[in-house]
Amino acid sequence: MKIQILGTGCPSCVKLADNAKQAAAEANIDCEIEKVTDINQITSFGVMMTPALAIDGKVKIVGKVASVEEIKTVLSE
């Protein structure tokens, strides 16, 4: 599984990445976490608000710092 954090590196993006790492660890999910900071790559996902979270190339959360619990729910889908 590949988790991508889409954002320019602002504090919200960093927090979302931290929450994603924690959620994956708590759910015992083996994954790769990638930070996508290039604005052209971010917009190629159709994302206009950051931070955003994509799983295996599909955007799941946009424009907010999702909690660990929210991310665990998305990971289990």
N, C-alpha and C. Protein backbone atom coordinates (compact mmCIF):
# COMPACT_ATOMS: atom_id res chain seq x y z
N MET A 1 0.85 -1.17 0.00
CA MET A 1 0.00 0.00 0.00
C MET A 1 0.90 1.24 0.00
N LYS A 2 0.48 2.24 -0.77
CA LYS A 2 1.23 3.48 -0.84
C LYS A 2 0.33 4.63 -0.39
N ILE A 3 0.79 5.34 0.64
CA ILE A 3 0.08 6.51 1.14
C ILE A 3 0.85 7.74 0.68
N GLN A 4 0.13 8.66 0.06
CA GLN A 4 0.77 9.89 -0.40
C GLN A 4 0.16 11.08 0.33
N ILE A 5 1.03 11.92 0.86
CA ILE A 5 0.62 13.16 1.50
C ILE A 5 0.86 14.27 0.48
N LEU A 6 -0.21 14.91 0.06
CA LEU A 6 -0.12 15.96 -0.95
C LEU A 6 -0.15 17.31 -0.26
N GLY A 7 0.95 18.06 -0.38
CA GLY A 7 1.03 19.38 0.24
C GLY A 7 2.42 19.95 0.11
N THR A 8 2.52 21.23 0.33
CA THR A 8 3.78 21.94 0.10
C THR A 8 4.77 21.83 1.25
N GLY A 9 4.37 21.20 2.33
CA GLY A 9 5.27 21.04 3.47
C GLY A 9 4.93 21.95 4.64
N CYS A 10 3.74 22.52 4.62
CA CYS A 10 3.29 23.39 5.71
C CYS A 10 3.07 22.56 6.98
N PRO A 11 2.90 23.21 8.13
CA PRO A 11 2.68 22.46 9.37
C PRO A 11 1.49 21.49 9.30
N SER A 12 0.43 21.85 8.59
CA SER A 12 -0.72 20.96 8.45
C SER A 12 -0.35 19.69 7.68
N CYS A 13 0.47 19.86 6.65
CA CYS A 13 0.91 18.72 5.85
C CYS A 13 1.79 17.79 6.69
N VAL A 14 2.65 18.36 7.49
CA VAL A 14 3.53 17.58 8.36
C VAL A 14 2.69 16.81 9.38
N LYS A 15 1.68 17.44 9.95
CA LYS A 15 0.81 16.79 10.93
C LYS A 15 0.03 15.65 10.29
N LEU A 16 -0.47 15.86 9.05
CA LEU A 16 -1.19 14.80 8.35
C LEU A 16 -0.27 13.60 8.11
N ALA A 17 0.97 13.87 7.73
CA ALA A 17 1.94 12.79 7.51
C ALA A 17 2.19 12.03 8.81
N ASP A 18 2.35 12.74 9.90
CA ASP A 18 2.55 12.10 11.21
C ASP A 18 1.35 11.24 11.59
N ASN A 19 0.14 11.78 11.37
CA ASN A 19 -1.08 11.02 11.69
C ASN A 19 -1.19 9.78 10.82
N ALA A 20 -0.81 9.89 9.55
CA ALA A 20 -0.87 8.74 8.64
C ALA A 20 0.10 7.65 9.09
N LYS A 21 1.30 8.04 9.49
CA LYS A 21 2.29 7.07 9.99
C LYS A 21 1.75 6.35 11.21
N GLN A 22 1.18 7.12 12.14
CA GLN A 22 0.65 6.54 13.36
C GLN A 22 -0.53 5.61 13.07
N ALA A 23 -1.41 6.03 12.17
CA ALA A 23 -2.58 5.21 11.81
C ALA A 23 -2.14 3.89 11.20
N ALA A 24 -1.18 3.94 10.29
CA ALA A 24 -0.69 2.72 9.65
C ALA A 24 -0.06 1.79 10.68
N ALA A 25 0.71 2.36 11.61
CA ALA A 25 1.35 1.56 12.65
C ALA A 25 0.31 0.91 13.56
N GLU A 26 -0.69 1.68 13.99
CA GLU A 26 -1.73 1.15 14.88
C GLU A 26 -2.57 0.08 14.20
N ALA A 27 -2.76 0.21 12.88
CA ALA A 27 -3.57 -0.76 12.14
C ALA A 27 -2.73 -1.93 11.61
N ASN A 28 -1.42 -1.92 11.95
CA ASN A 28 -0.50 -2.96 11.48
C ASN A 28 -0.53 -3.11 9.96
N ILE A 29 -0.52 -1.97 9.26
CA ILE A 29 -0.53 -1.97 7.81
C ILE A 29 0.86 -1.63 7.30
N ASP A 30 1.38 -2.50 6.46
CA ASP A 30 2.69 -2.28 5.86
C ASP A 30 2.49 -1.34 4.67
N CYS A 31 3.12 -0.19 4.72
CA CYS A 31 2.91 0.78 3.65
C CYS A 31 4.14 1.65 3.44
N GLU A 32 4.13 2.31 2.31
CA GLU A 32 5.14 3.31 1.99
C GLU A 32 4.44 4.66 2.08
N ILE A 33 5.07 5.62 2.76
CA ILE A 33 4.50 6.96 2.85
C ILE A 33 5.38 7.90 2.05
N GLU A 34 4.75 8.58 1.10
CA GLU A 34 5.46 9.50 0.21
C GLU A 34 4.87 10.90 0.36
N LYS A 35 5.73 11.89 0.48
CA LYS A 35 5.28 13.27 0.52
C LYS A 35 5.41 13.86 -0.88
N VAL A 36 4.30 14.34 -1.41
CA VAL A 36 4.28 14.96 -2.74
C VAL A 36 4.19 16.46 -2.52
N THR A 37 5.27 17.17 -2.84
CA THR A 37 5.31 18.61 -2.58
C THR A 37 5.28 19.46 -3.84
N ASP A 38 5.46 18.83 -5.01
CA ASP A 38 5.45 19.57 -6.26
C ASP A 38 4.01 19.95 -6.63
N ILE A 39 3.77 21.25 -6.80
CA ILE A 39 2.41 21.74 -7.05
C ILE A 39 1.81 21.15 -8.32
N ASN A 40 2.62 20.91 -9.33
CA ASN A 40 2.10 20.31 -10.57
C ASN A 40 1.65 18.88 -10.34
N GLN A 41 2.40 18.13 -9.53
CA GLN A 41 1.99 16.76 -9.20
C GLN A 41 0.71 16.78 -8.37
N ILE A 42 0.63 17.71 -7.42
CA ILE A 42 -0.55 17.80 -6.56
C ILE A 42 -1.79 18.08 -7.40
N THR A 43 -1.69 19.05 -8.31
CA THR A 43 -2.86 19.39 -9.14
C THR A 43 -3.20 18.27 -10.12
N SER A 44 -2.22 17.44 -10.47
CA SER A 44 -2.51 16.31 -11.37
C SER A 44 -3.45 15.30 -10.71
N PHE A 45 -3.52 15.33 -9.38
CA PHE A 45 -4.46 14.49 -8.64
C PHE A 45 -5.86 15.11 -8.63
N GLY A 46 -5.98 16.36 -9.10
CA GLY A 46 -7.25 17.06 -9.05
C GLY A 46 -7.46 17.77 -7.72
N VAL A 47 -6.39 17.90 -6.93
CA VAL A 47 -6.48 18.50 -5.60
C VAL A 47 -6.22 20.00 -5.71
N MET A 48 -7.14 20.78 -5.16
CA MET A 48 -6.98 22.24 -5.15
C MET A 48 -6.75 22.79 -3.74
N MET A 49 -7.00 21.95 -2.73
CA MET A 49 -6.77 22.35 -1.34
C MET A 49 -5.88 21.32 -0.67
N THR A 50 -4.88 21.81 0.04
CA THR A 50 -4.00 20.91 0.78
C THR A 50 -4.17 21.15 2.27
N PRO A 51 -3.79 20.22 3.10
CA PRO A 51 -3.20 18.93 2.74
C PRO A 51 -4.25 17.96 2.22
N ALA A 52 -3.77 16.95 1.53
CA ALA A 52 -4.64 15.88 1.05
C ALA A 52 -3.91 14.56 1.24
N LEU A 53 -4.70 13.50 1.28
CA LEU A 53 -4.15 12.16 1.47
C LEU A 53 -4.67 11.27 0.37
N ALA A 54 -3.76 10.58 -0.30
CA ALA A 54 -4.13 9.63 -1.35
C ALA A 54 -3.61 8.25 -0.96
N ILE A 55 -4.39 7.25 -1.31
CA ILE A 55 -3.99 5.86 -1.06
C ILE A 55 -3.96 5.15 -2.40
N ASP A 56 -2.80 4.61 -2.72
CA ASP A 56 -2.60 3.93 -4.00
C ASP A 56 -3.06 4.79 -5.18
N GLY A 57 -2.76 6.08 -5.10
CA GLY A 57 -3.05 7.01 -6.19
C GLY A 57 -4.45 7.58 -6.22
N LYS A 58 -5.30 7.18 -5.26
CA LYS A 58 -6.68 7.69 -5.21
C LYS A 58 -6.83 8.62 -4.02
N VAL A 59 -7.27 9.85 -4.29
CA VAL A 59 -7.43 10.85 -3.24
C VAL A 59 -8.60 10.47 -2.35
N LYS A 60 -8.34 10.44 -1.03
CA LYS A 60 -9.36 10.03 -0.06
C LYS A 60 -9.77 11.18 0.86
N ILE A 61 -8.83 12.07 1.19
CA ILE A 61 -9.10 13.16 2.13
C ILE A 61 -8.48 14.43 1.55
N VAL A 62 -9.25 15.53 1.56
CA VAL A 62 -8.76 16.78 0.98
C VAL A 62 -9.06 17.95 1.91
N GLY A 63 -8.06 18.83 2.05
CA GLY A 63 -8.28 20.11 2.70
C GLY A 63 -8.37 20.10 4.21
N LYS A 64 -7.91 19.02 4.84
CA LYS A 64 -7.94 19.01 6.30
C LYS A 64 -6.91 18.05 6.84
N VAL A 65 -6.59 18.24 8.10
CA VAL A 65 -5.70 17.31 8.80
C VAL A 65 -6.60 16.25 9.43
N ALA A 66 -6.64 15.10 8.80
CA ALA A 66 -7.47 14.01 9.31
C ALA A 66 -6.85 13.44 10.58
N SER A 67 -7.71 13.01 11.48
CA SER A 67 -7.24 12.39 12.72
C SER A 67 -6.71 10.99 12.43
N VAL A 68 -6.00 10.45 13.39
CA VAL A 68 -5.50 9.08 13.28
C VAL A 68 -6.65 8.12 13.05
N GLU A 69 -7.74 8.30 13.79
CA GLU A 69 -8.90 7.41 13.66
C GLU A 69 -9.54 7.52 12.28
N GLU A 70 -9.66 8.74 11.74
CA GLU A 70 -10.22 8.92 10.40
C GLU A 70 -9.36 8.21 9.36
N ILE A 71 -8.06 8.33 9.50
CA ILE A 71 -7.15 7.71 8.54
C ILE A 71 -7.23 6.19 8.64
N LYS A 72 -7.32 5.66 9.85
CA LYS A 72 -7.46 4.22 10.03
C LYS A 72 -8.72 3.70 9.34
N THR A 73 -9.79 4.47 9.43
CA THR A 73 -11.04 4.09 8.75
C THR A 73 -10.84 4.02 7.25
N VAL A 74 -10.19 5.03 6.69
CA VAL A 74 -9.93 5.07 5.25
C VAL A 74 -9.01 3.92 4.83
N LEU A 75 -8.02 3.63 5.65
CA LEU A 75 -7.08 2.55 5.33
C LEU A 75 -7.77 1.18 5.30
N SER A 76 -8.80 1.03 6.10
CA SER A 76 -9.47 -0.27 6.18
C SER A 76 -10.52 -0.48 5.08
N GLU A 77 -10.79 0.55 4.29
CA GLU A 77 -11.81 0.43 3.24
C GLU A 77 -11.34 -0.45 2.10
